[in-house]
Protein backbone atom coordinates (compact mmCIF):
# COMPACT_ATOMS: atom_id res chain seq x y z
CA MET A 1 0.68 13.34 -18.74
CA PHE A 2 -1.44 11.08 -16.54
CA PRO A 3 -5.16 11.76 -17.08
CA HIS A 4 -6.42 9.00 -14.77
CA ASP A 5 -5.95 8.74 -11.02
CA ALA A 6 -7.12 6.87 -7.96
CA THR A 7 -6.47 7.02 -4.23
CA LEU A 8 -6.32 4.07 -1.87
CA GLU A 9 -6.56 4.85 1.83
CA TYR A 10 -6.10 2.35 4.65
CA THR A 11 -6.63 3.22 8.32
CA TYR A 12 -5.32 0.90 11.04
CA GLU A 13 -6.03 0.48 14.74
CA THR A 14 -2.58 1.72 15.75
CA PRO A 15 0.25 3.79 14.26
CA THR A 16 2.51 0.77 14.82
CA ARG A 17 0.40 -1.41 12.54
CA ALA A 18 0.24 1.35 9.90
CA ARG A 19 4.02 1.72 10.07
CA ALA A 20 4.52 -2.05 9.70
CA VAL A 21 2.36 -2.18 6.57
CA GLU A 22 3.99 0.98 5.20
CA ASN A 23 7.48 -0.47 5.71
CA ALA A 24 6.49 -3.69 3.99
CA VAL A 25 5.21 -2.01 0.82
CA ALA A 26 7.30 1.18 0.68
CA GLN A 27 10.26 -0.61 -0.88
CA GLU A 28 8.11 -1.23 -3.97
CA ILE A 29 7.43 2.48 -4.59
CA GLY A 30 9.36 3.44 -7.70
CA GLU A 31 10.15 -0.17 -8.54
CA ILE A 32 6.70 -0.93 -9.94
CA ASP A 33 6.25 2.43 -11.68
CA ASP A 34 6.64 2.51 -15.43
CA GLU A 35 5.87 4.87 -18.31
CA ARG A 36 2.13 4.16 -17.90
CA SER A 37 1.58 4.55 -14.15
CA GLN A 38 3.20 6.00 -11.04
CA THR A 39 2.39 5.70 -7.35
CA THR A 40 3.22 7.72 -4.25
CA LEU A 41 2.80 6.62 -0.64
CA GLU A 42 2.16 8.75 2.44
CA ARG A 43 1.50 7.81 6.06
CA SER A 44 -0.02 10.00 8.74
CA GLU A 45 -0.30 8.32 12.13
CA ARG A 46 -2.72 5.42 11.51
CA THR A 47 -3.49 6.08 7.83
CA ILE A 48 -1.61 5.02 4.70
CA THR A 49 -2.52 6.71 1.42
CA PHE A 50 -1.54 5.57 -2.06
CA LYS A 51 -1.98 8.04 -4.92
CA ILE A 52 -1.87 6.38 -8.30
CA VAL A 53 -1.78 8.17 -11.66
CA ALA A 54 -1.97 6.44 -15.04
CA LYS A 55 -1.98 7.16 -18.74
CA ASP A 56 -4.85 4.76 -19.42
CA LEU A 57 -7.52 2.84 -17.54
CA THR A 58 -5.85 -0.53 -18.09
CA ALA A 59 -2.67 0.70 -16.43
CA LEU A 60 -4.70 2.23 -13.58
CA ARG A 61 -6.53 -1.06 -12.98
CA ALA A 62 -3.27 -3.00 -13.04
CA ALA A 63 -1.65 -0.62 -10.55
CA LEU A 64 -4.68 -0.74 -8.25
CA ASN A 65 -4.68 -4.55 -8.30
CA THR A 66 -0.95 -4.65 -7.59
CA TRP A 67 -1.07 -2.27 -4.62
CA MET A 68 -4.19 -3.81 -3.11
CA THR A 69 -2.55 -7.25 -3.28
CA LEU A 70 0.69 -6.00 -1.74
CA VAL A 71 -1.19 -4.31 1.10
CA ASP A 72 -3.25 -7.46 1.71
CA VAL A 73 -0.10 -9.58 2.00
CA ALA A 74 1.54 -7.00 4.31
CA GLU A 75 -1.58 -6.92 6.52
CA GLN A 76 -1.62 -10.72 6.76
CA ALA A 77 2.06 -10.77 7.69
CA ALA A 78 1.52 -8.08 10.35
CA ARG A 79 -1.39 -10.04 11.87
CA THR A 80 0.63 -13.25 11.90
CA GLY A 81 3.57 -11.50 13.51
CA ALA A 82 1.36 -9.88 16.13
CA ARG A 83 -0.14 -13.26 17.06
CA ALA A 84 3.27 -14.91 17.24
CA PHE A 85 4.58 -12.31 19.67
CA ALA A 86 1.40 -11.93 21.74
CA PRO A 87 1.93 -12.56 25.47
CA ASP A 88 -0.35 -15.60 25.42
CA GLY A 89 0.85 -16.78 21.96
């Protein structure tokens, strides 16, 4: 039973950017889960939603920190890639 939960939702300018971030972090779904917390990921057009459930608040905080960090890194990589392949770049 997981009495604690949180939702992280990220909306991007384009579906392409949302898909890039989703693809970067999706491989971690299931790999990071343990007996104390589990995460699911959904994408709808421009929005990515993480649903995190946890047995205790410490596990919830740890999962939130992990997913926010992974998304931040994926966003930075997507921005860097977009600049590198920009017509004037």
